[in-house]
Amino acid sequence: MRLATIAPICLGLGLTLSAQGLLAEEVRYNQVSLRAEVQEAVSHDTLQVRLYAEEQAKDAGKLATSITERLNKALDIARQTEGVSVSSGNRSSQPVYDEKGEKIIAWRERGDILLESTDFASLSTLTGKLMDELNLGDMQFSLSPESRRSTEDELIREAIEAFKARADIATRSLGGTDYKIVNLNLNSQFMQPPMYRGAKMAMMADAESASPSVEGGQADVTVSADGIIEVNLP
């Protein structure tokens, strides 16, 4: 019984030693770690607006009905605007307690709707109309998936070329004849724009139409190339 137990252990050790031997043969020399990074500022092409209805009342049933009516009215108006994506957002209800925190004296309920479009002017005008019934929660600018993907694809090509240029510089500086890439990692980053809250957007509203004045701004898309090259020295 002991021999049967020892044999697999010895075999395992043999495999481990063989693996270590292979790793020793794969040790590389004259390796250089390099990093190249490219960045592009891209104009936001998508705007999302969150509007909400919020009320407080003693009768929870009547409160829910009132919120539903306001949201449905806003949704009906929003769906008439072409080029705007409309959807219902979060909805919540919570009790309001007395000063001692013991007895429920009322209920507070809130419901959201979400609007999204690449037509900033139309969405801004629609937002102004809906603010007669709803409050402005926040506004978020972003890049559409298509714009971000096309920008990243172009930056990947530029990052690789920048990496190769640095590899050439490193090779010549070391007196090498040429090099080969041992590994290369490509990473992309997207700086998400800030979300504008209702209080700030209210101050930005146009005095005549009450439509928020929006400026999409830009987002920074960055692609980095991190890798290791092996330089051939004469």
Protein backbone atom coordinates (compact mmCIF):
# COMPACT_ATOMS: atom_id res chain seq x y z
CA MET A 1 0.00 0.00 0.00
CA ARG A 2 2.82 2.41 0.73
CA LEU A 3 4.47 1.77 -2.65
CA ALA A 4 1.25 2.59 -4.44
CA THR A 5 1.10 5.89 -2.58
CA ILE A 6 4.73 6.90 -3.14
CA ALA A 7 4.84 6.22 -6.88
CA PRO A 8 2.51 9.05 -7.95
CA ILE A 9 4.41 11.49 -5.72
CA CYS A 10 7.71 10.62 -7.36
CA LEU A 11 6.16 11.01 -10.79
CA GLY A 12 4.82 14.42 -9.79
CA LEU A 13 8.25 15.56 -8.70
CA GLY A 14 9.71 14.40 -11.98
CA LEU A 15 7.18 16.43 -13.94
CA THR A 16 7.86 19.47 -11.78
CA LEU A 17 11.59 19.26 -12.35
CA SER A 18 11.03 18.88 -16.08
CA ALA A 19 8.78 21.91 -16.12
CA GLN A 20 11.39 23.94 -14.24
CA GLY A 21 13.95 22.88 -16.79
CA LEU A 22 11.74 24.10 -19.62
CA LEU A 23 11.18 27.39 -17.86
CA ALA A 24 14.92 27.82 -17.46
CA GLU A 25 15.36 27.39 -21.20
CA GLU A 26 12.72 30.07 -21.86
CA VAL A 27 14.48 32.81 -19.89
CA ARG A 28 14.85 35.86 -22.12
CA TYR A 29 17.52 38.54 -22.07
CA ASN A 30 17.81 42.08 -23.43
CA GLN A 31 14.14 42.71 -22.71
CA VAL A 32 12.73 46.22 -22.45
CA SER A 33 9.34 47.27 -21.06
CA LEU A 34 7.67 50.07 -23.00
CA ARG A 35 4.47 52.07 -22.83
CA ALA A 36 2.79 54.27 -25.42
CA GLU A 37 -0.43 56.22 -24.95
CA VAL A 38 -2.64 58.17 -27.33
CA GLN A 39 -5.68 60.29 -26.53
CA GLU A 40 -8.45 62.04 -28.42
CA ALA A 41 -11.15 64.45 -27.26
CA VAL A 42 -14.48 63.46 -28.81
CA SER A 43 -17.67 65.51 -28.70
CA HIS A 44 -20.53 63.91 -26.80
CA ASP A 45 -23.33 62.83 -29.09
CA THR A 46 -25.91 61.51 -26.62
CA LEU A 47 -27.89 63.24 -23.88
CA GLN A 48 -29.98 61.55 -21.21
CA VAL A 49 -32.43 63.48 -19.05
CA ARG A 50 -34.14 62.22 -15.91
CA LEU A 51 -37.39 63.92 -14.84
CA TYR A 52 -39.44 63.04 -11.80
CA ALA A 53 -42.74 63.58 -10.04
CA GLU A 54 -42.70 63.66 -6.24
CA GLU A 55 -45.54 64.27 -3.80
CA GLN A 56 -46.53 63.71 -0.19
CA ALA A 57 -50.01 62.90 1.10
CA LYS A 58 -51.78 61.07 3.92
CA ASP A 59 -53.72 58.75 1.59
CA ALA A 60 -51.26 56.34 -0.07
CA GLY A 61 -53.78 55.24 -2.68
CA LYS A 62 -54.62 58.76 -3.87
CA LEU A 63 -50.93 59.64 -3.81
CA ALA A 64 -50.06 56.72 -6.11
CA THR A 65 -52.88 57.68 -8.49
CA SER A 66 -51.71 61.30 -8.67
CA ILE A 67 -48.09 60.31 -9.40
CA THR A 68 -49.21 57.82 -12.06
CA GLU A 69 -51.37 60.42 -13.81
CA ARG A 70 -48.53 62.95 -13.92
CA LEU A 71 -46.04 60.42 -15.24
CA ASN A 72 -48.43 59.07 -17.88
CA LYS A 73 -49.22 62.58 -19.10
CA ALA A 74 -45.50 63.35 -19.43
CA LEU A 75 -44.85 60.04 -21.21
CA ASP A 76 -47.63 60.74 -23.73
CA ILE A 77 -46.14 64.16 -24.54
CA ALA A 78 -42.58 62.78 -24.76
CA ARG A 79 -43.55 59.98 -27.16
CA GLN A 80 -44.77 62.56 -29.67
CA THR A 81 -41.24 63.93 -30.12
CA GLU A 82 -39.33 62.16 -32.89
CA GLY A 83 -35.80 61.02 -32.26
CA VAL A 84 -36.24 60.79 -28.48
CA SER A 85 -36.11 57.49 -26.64
CA VAL A 86 -38.62 57.41 -23.77
CA SER A 87 -38.81 54.98 -20.85
CA SER A 88 -40.07 54.76 -17.28
CA GLY A 89 -37.48 55.01 -14.53
CA ASN A 90 -37.44 54.12 -10.86
CA ARG A 91 -40.48 54.49 -8.63
CA SER A 92 -40.45 54.45 -4.85
CA SER A 93 -42.73 55.10 -1.88
CA GLN A 94 -41.76 55.64 1.73
CA PRO A 95 -43.54 56.50 4.98
CA VAL A 96 -43.21 59.85 6.72
CA TYR A 97 -43.12 59.59 10.53
CA ASP A 98 -44.02 62.04 13.25
CA GLU A 99 -41.39 63.90 15.26
CA LYS A 100 -40.95 60.95 17.62
CA GLY A 101 -40.45 58.59 14.71
CA GLU A 102 -43.19 56.28 15.94
CA LYS A 103 -46.34 57.00 13.95
CA ILE A 104 -46.79 57.22 10.18
CA ILE A 105 -48.41 60.53 9.38
CA ALA A 106 -48.07 60.56 5.58
CA TRP A 107 -46.50 58.93 2.53
CA ARG A 108 -43.99 60.30 0.05
CA GLU A 109 -43.78 58.85 -3.44
CA ARG A 110 -41.52 59.51 -6.40
CA GLY A 111 -41.51 58.27 -9.99
CA ASP A 112 -38.98 58.94 -12.79
CA ILE A 113 -39.01 58.98 -16.57
CA LEU A 114 -35.90 58.80 -18.76
CA LEU A 115 -35.38 60.60 -22.04
CA GLU A 116 -32.44 60.03 -24.38
CA SER A 117 -31.53 61.50 -27.75
CA THR A 118 -28.68 62.57 -29.99
CA ASP A 119 -30.67 65.69 -30.92
CA PHE A 120 -29.79 68.03 -28.05
CA ALA A 121 -32.04 70.85 -29.25
CA SER A 122 -35.19 68.70 -29.50
CA LEU A 123 -34.57 67.05 -26.16
CA SER A 124 -33.91 70.41 -24.49
CA THR A 125 -37.18 71.81 -25.87
CA LEU A 126 -39.09 68.73 -24.75
CA THR A 127 -37.55 68.97 -21.29
CA GLY A 128 -38.77 72.56 -21.00
CA LYS A 129 -42.33 71.46 -21.83
CA LEU A 130 -42.31 68.61 -19.33
CA MET A 131 -41.03 70.81 -16.52
CA ASP A 132 -44.60 72.17 -16.25
CA GLU A 133 -45.55 68.76 -14.81
CA LEU A 134 -42.29 67.27 -13.58
CA ASN A 135 -39.05 68.26 -11.88
CA LEU A 136 -35.64 67.98 -13.49
CA GLY A 137 -33.53 65.34 -11.80
CA ASP A 138 -30.30 65.23 -13.75
CA MET A 139 -28.74 65.39 -17.22
CA GLN A 140 -25.96 63.11 -18.44
CA PHE A 141 -23.87 63.48 -21.59
CA SER A 142 -22.11 60.50 -23.14
CA LEU A 143 -20.73 58.95 -26.29
CA SER A 144 -22.88 56.52 -28.21
CA PRO A 145 -21.46 52.97 -28.40
CA GLU A 146 -20.86 53.43 -32.12
CA SER A 147 -18.83 56.63 -31.68
CA ARG A 148 -16.80 55.21 -28.83
CA ARG A 149 -16.03 52.01 -30.71
CA SER A 150 -14.92 53.78 -33.90
CA THR A 151 -12.74 56.17 -31.89
CA GLU A 152 -11.13 53.33 -29.94
CA ASP A 153 -10.47 51.36 -33.15
CA GLU A 154 -8.58 54.30 -34.64
CA LEU A 155 -6.67 54.96 -31.41
CA ILE A 156 -5.64 51.30 -31.19
CA ARG A 157 -3.88 51.64 -34.54
CA GLU A 158 -2.20 54.84 -33.40
CA ALA A 159 -1.14 53.31 -30.07
CA ILE A 160 0.48 50.34 -31.80
CA GLU A 161 2.36 52.62 -34.17
CA ALA A 162 3.51 54.75 -31.22
CA PHE A 163 4.67 51.60 -29.41
CA LYS A 164 6.63 50.46 -32.46
CA ALA A 165 8.25 53.89 -32.74
CA ARG A 166 9.44 53.70 -29.14
CA ALA A 167 10.64 50.17 -29.69
CA ASP A 168 12.77 51.39 -32.60
CA ILE A 169 14.24 54.15 -30.44
CA ALA A 170 15.04 51.72 -27.61
CA THR A 171 16.62 49.23 -30.02
CA ARG A 172 18.89 51.82 -31.66
CA SER A 173 19.83 53.32 -28.29
CA LEU A 174 20.94 49.91 -27.04
CA GLY A 175 22.91 49.27 -30.20
CA GLY A 176 20.63 46.49 -31.32
CA THR A 177 19.97 45.37 -34.87
CA ASP A 178 16.26 44.61 -34.51
CA TYR A 179 13.68 43.49 -31.97
CA LYS A 180 10.67 41.27 -31.50
CA ILE A 181 7.60 41.88 -29.38
CA VAL A 182 7.38 39.44 -26.46
CA ASN A 183 3.91 40.59 -25.37
CA LEU A 184 1.63 43.58 -25.91
CA ASN A 185 -1.40 44.69 -23.91
CA LEU A 186 -3.91 47.23 -25.20
CA ASN A 187 -6.21 49.09 -22.79
CA SER A 188 -8.79 51.81 -23.35
CA GLN A 189 -10.20 54.39 -20.94
CA PHE A 190 -13.17 56.69 -21.25
CA MET A 191 -13.53 59.70 -18.99
CA GLN A 192 -17.23 59.86 -18.17
CA PRO A 193 -18.57 63.44 -18.11
CA PRO A 194 -20.10 64.80 -14.90
CA MET A 195 -23.82 64.42 -14.23
CA TYR A 196 -25.63 67.73 -13.84
CA ARG A 197 -28.16 67.72 -11.02
CA GLY A 198 -31.52 69.46 -10.99
CA ALA A 199 -30.47 72.42 -8.87
CA LYS A 200 -27.59 73.29 -11.16
CA MET A 201 -29.64 72.77 -14.31
CA ALA A 202 -32.41 75.00 -12.96
CA MET A 203 -29.92 77.86 -12.84
CA MET A 204 -28.96 77.10 -16.43
CA ALA A 205 -32.53 77.27 -17.67
CA ASP A 206 -33.43 79.83 -20.31
CA ALA A 207 -35.53 82.65 -18.88
CA GLU A 208 -38.09 82.65 -21.73
CA SER A 209 -38.72 78.99 -22.49
CA ALA A 210 -37.51 77.33 -19.28
CA SER A 211 -35.65 74.88 -21.51
CA PRO A 212 -32.26 73.97 -20.05
CA SER A 213 -29.34 75.39 -22.00
CA VAL A 214 -27.14 72.40 -22.79
CA GLU A 215 -23.56 72.17 -23.97
CA GLY A 216 -22.45 68.63 -24.70
CA GLY A 217 -18.75 69.20 -24.17
CA GLN A 218 -16.20 66.49 -24.91
CA ALA A 219 -14.99 63.19 -23.53
CA ASP A 220 -11.38 61.98 -23.47
CA VAL A 221 -10.85 58.55 -24.98
CA THR A 222 -7.44 57.06 -24.21
CA VAL A 223 -5.78 53.89 -25.50
CA SER A 224 -2.50 52.65 -24.04
CA ALA A 225 -0.11 49.99 -25.34
CA ASP A 226 2.02 48.29 -22.70
CA GLY A 227 4.44 45.59 -23.70
CA ILE A 228 7.87 44.01 -23.64
CA ILE A 229 10.30 43.75 -26.52
CA GLU A 230 13.42 41.65 -26.86
CA VAL A 231 16.35 43.45 -28.51
CA ASN A 232 18.80 41.54 -30.63
CA LEU A 233 22.33 42.76 -29.89
CA PRO A 234 25.26 42.08 -32.25
